C-alpha atoms as a PDB file:
ATOM      1  CA  UNK A   1      66.004 118.306 -31.750  1.00  0.00           C
ATOM      2  CA  UNK A   2      69.340 115.714 -32.516  1.00  0.00           C
ATOM      3  CA  UNK A   3      70.145 115.748 -35.633  1.00  0.00           C
ATOM      4  CA  UNK A   4      69.249 112.311 -37.596  1.00  0.00           C
ATOM      5  CA  UNK A   5      72.456 109.784 -38.393  1.00  0.00           C
ATOM      6  CA  UNK A   6      73.135 109.946 -42.355  1.00  0.00           C
ATOM      7  CA  UNK A   7      72.714 106.558 -43.421  1.00  0.00           C
ATOM      8  CA  UNK A   8      75.619 105.583 -46.225  1.00  0.00           C
ATOM      9  CA  UNK A   9      75.273 103.222 -48.639  1.00  0.00           C
ATOM     10  CA  UNK A  10      77.277  99.981 -48.662  1.00  0.00           C
ATOM     11  CA  UNK A  11      80.137  99.753 -51.419  1.00  0.00           C
ATOM     12  CA  UNK A  12      79.284  98.110 -54.630  1.00  0.00           C
ATOM     13  CA  UNK A  13      79.726  94.030 -54.648  1.00  0.00           C
ATOM     14  CA  UNK A  14      79.166  92.938 -57.947  1.00  0.00           C
ATOM     15  CA  UNK A  15      76.378  90.020 -58.276  1.00  0.00           C
ATOM     16  CA  UNK A  16      77.931  86.121 -57.785  1.00  0.00           C
ATOM     17  CA  UNK A  17      78.723  85.326 -61.781  1.00  0.00           C
ATOM     18  CA  UNK A  18      76.490  82.469 -62.716  1.00  0.00           C
ATOM     19  CA  UNK A  19      78.039  79.324 -63.009  1.00  0.00           C
ATOM     20  CA  UNK A  20      79.530  79.144 -66.509  1.00  0.00           C
ATOM     21  CA  UNK A  21      78.223  76.546 -68.766  1.00  0.00           C
ATOM     22  CA  UNK A  22      79.281  73.220 -67.852  1.00  0.00           C
ATOM     23  CA  UNK A  23      81.620  72.153 -70.254  1.00  0.00           C
ATOM     24  CA  UNK A  24      81.018  68.610 -71.659  1.00  0.00           C
ATOM     25  CA  UNK A  25      83.188  66.463 -72.996  1.00  0.00           C
ATOM     26  CA  UNK A  26      82.939  64.781 -76.820  1.00  0.00           C
ATOM     27  CA  UNK A  27      80.629  62.846 -77.744  1.00  0.00           C
ATOM     28  CA  UNK A  28      79.933  59.179 -77.267  1.00  0.00           C
ATOM     29  CA  UNK A  29      82.139  57.105 -79.950  1.00  0.00           C
ATOM     30  CA  UNK A  30      78.987  55.061 -80.836  1.00  0.00           C
ATOM     31  CA  UNK A  31      76.855  58.527 -81.288  1.00  0.00           C
ATOM     32  CA  UNK A  32      79.097  58.628 -84.183  1.00  0.00           C
ATOM     33  CA  UNK A  33      78.543  55.469 -85.390  1.00  0.00           C
ATOM     34  CA  UNK A  34      74.662  55.729 -84.902  1.00  0.00           C
ATOM     35  CA  UNK A  35      74.773  59.187 -86.808  1.00  0.00           C
ATOM     36  CA  UNK A  36      76.839  57.732 -89.967  1.00  0.00           C
ATOM     37  CA  UNK A  37      74.766  54.949 -89.796  1.00  0.00           C
ATOM     38  CA  UNK A  38      71.407  56.848 -90.479  1.00  0.00           C
ATOM     39  CA  UNK A  39      72.874  59.140 -92.972  1.00  0.00           C
ATOM     40  CA  UNK A  40      74.190  56.033 -95.035  1.00  0.00           C
ATOM     41  CA  UNK A  41      70.679  53.853 -94.469  1.00  0.00           C
ATOM     42  CA  UNK A  42      68.910  56.950 -95.754  1.00  0.00           C
ATOM     43  CA  UNK A  43      71.401  57.633 -98.631  1.00  0.00           C
ATOM     44  CA  UNK A  44      70.859  53.942 -99.511  1.00  0.00           C
ATOM     45  CA  UNK A  45      67.299  54.103 -99.584  1.00  0.00           C
ATOM     46  CA  UNK A  46      67.214  56.799-101.877  1.00  0.00           C
ATOM     47  CA  UNK A  47      69.934  54.727-104.395  1.00  0.00           C
ATOM     48  CA  UNK A  48      67.534  51.263-104.088  1.00  0.00           C
ATOM     49  CA  UNK A  49      64.547  53.540-104.790  1.00  0.00           C
ATOM     50  CA  UNK A  50      66.123  54.708-107.973  1.00  0.00           C
ATOM     51  CA  UNK A  51      67.638  51.765-109.190  1.00  0.00           C
ATOM     52  CA  UNK A  52      65.178  48.926-108.196  1.00  0.00           C
ATOM     53  CA  UNK A  53      62.459  50.200-106.381  1.00  0.00           C
ATOM     54  CA  UNK A  54      59.546  48.762-108.411  1.00  0.00           C
ATOM     55  CA  UNK A  55      61.299  45.747-108.279  1.00  0.00           C
ATOM     56  CA  UNK A  56      60.509  45.482-104.171  1.00  0.00           C
ATOM     57  CA  UNK A  57      57.138  44.992-103.046  1.00  0.00           C
ATOM     58  CA  UNK A  58      57.124  47.110 -99.967  1.00  0.00           C
ATOM     59  CA  UNK A  59      58.967  50.120-101.604  1.00  0.00           C
ATOM     60  CA  UNK A  60      56.999  49.524-104.572  1.00  0.00           C
ATOM     61  CA  UNK A  61      53.967  49.841-102.099  1.00  0.00           C
ATOM     62  CA  UNK A  62      55.276  53.468-100.479  1.00  0.00           C
ATOM     63  CA  UNK A  63      55.683  55.086-103.914  1.00  0.00           C
ATOM     64  CA  UNK A  64      56.649  58.442-103.392  1.00  0.00           C
ATOM     65  CA  UNK A  65      56.876  58.140 -99.486  1.00  0.00           C
ATOM     66  CA  UNK A  66      60.291  56.682-100.420  1.00  0.00           C
ATOM     67  CA  UNK A  67      61.808  59.736-100.687  1.00  0.00           C
ATOM     68  CA  UNK A  68      60.087  61.230 -97.573  1.00  0.00           C
ATOM     69  CA  UNK A  69      61.855  58.157 -95.299  1.00  0.00           C
ATOM     70  CA  UNK A  70      65.076  58.488 -97.714  1.00  0.00           C
ATOM     71  CA  UNK A  71      65.598  62.424 -97.181  1.00  0.00           C
ATOM     72  CA  UNK A  72      64.168  61.776 -93.557  1.00  0.00           C
ATOM     73  CA  UNK A  73      66.944  59.267 -92.418  1.00  0.00           C
ATOM     74  CA  UNK A  74      69.686  62.038 -93.929  1.00  0.00           C
ATOM     75  CA  UNK A  75      67.938  65.315 -92.353  1.00  0.00           C
ATOM     76  CA  UNK A  76      67.649  62.956 -89.099  1.00  0.00           C
ATOM     77  CA  UNK A  77      71.517  62.609 -89.417  1.00  0.00           C
ATOM     78  CA  UNK A  78      72.174  66.202 -90.353  1.00  0.00           C
ATOM     79  CA  UNK A  79      70.362  67.075 -86.963  1.00  0.00           C
ATOM     80  CA  UNK A  80      72.368  65.015 -85.379  1.00  0.00           C
ATOM     81  CA  UNK A  81      75.658  66.364 -86.251  1.00  0.00           C
ATOM     82  CA  UNK A  82      74.356  69.510 -84.406  1.00  0.00           C
ATOM     83  CA  UNK A  83      74.805  67.878 -81.015  1.00  0.00           C
ATOM     84  CA  UNK A  84      77.866  66.209 -81.776  1.00  0.00           C
ATOM     85  CA  UNK A  85      81.083  67.458 -80.173  1.00  0.00           C
END
């Protein structure tokens, strides 16, 4: 009976490298302006609430929610800094 041929394993070829993450360029200058504006508006909201909150009708109606609005805007600005390049 004839002897069967021995199969050889092909030489190891490493898998192709995944495409490197696309290097993003710097953020648009408007992004920085908007980020800073939101942070400053949030800070100004809190300062105005402390100084004259009861004199301004719509702020008086919001009551304790003024803190939520002010700190919410500041938190949004801080979250935007994580995407800033």
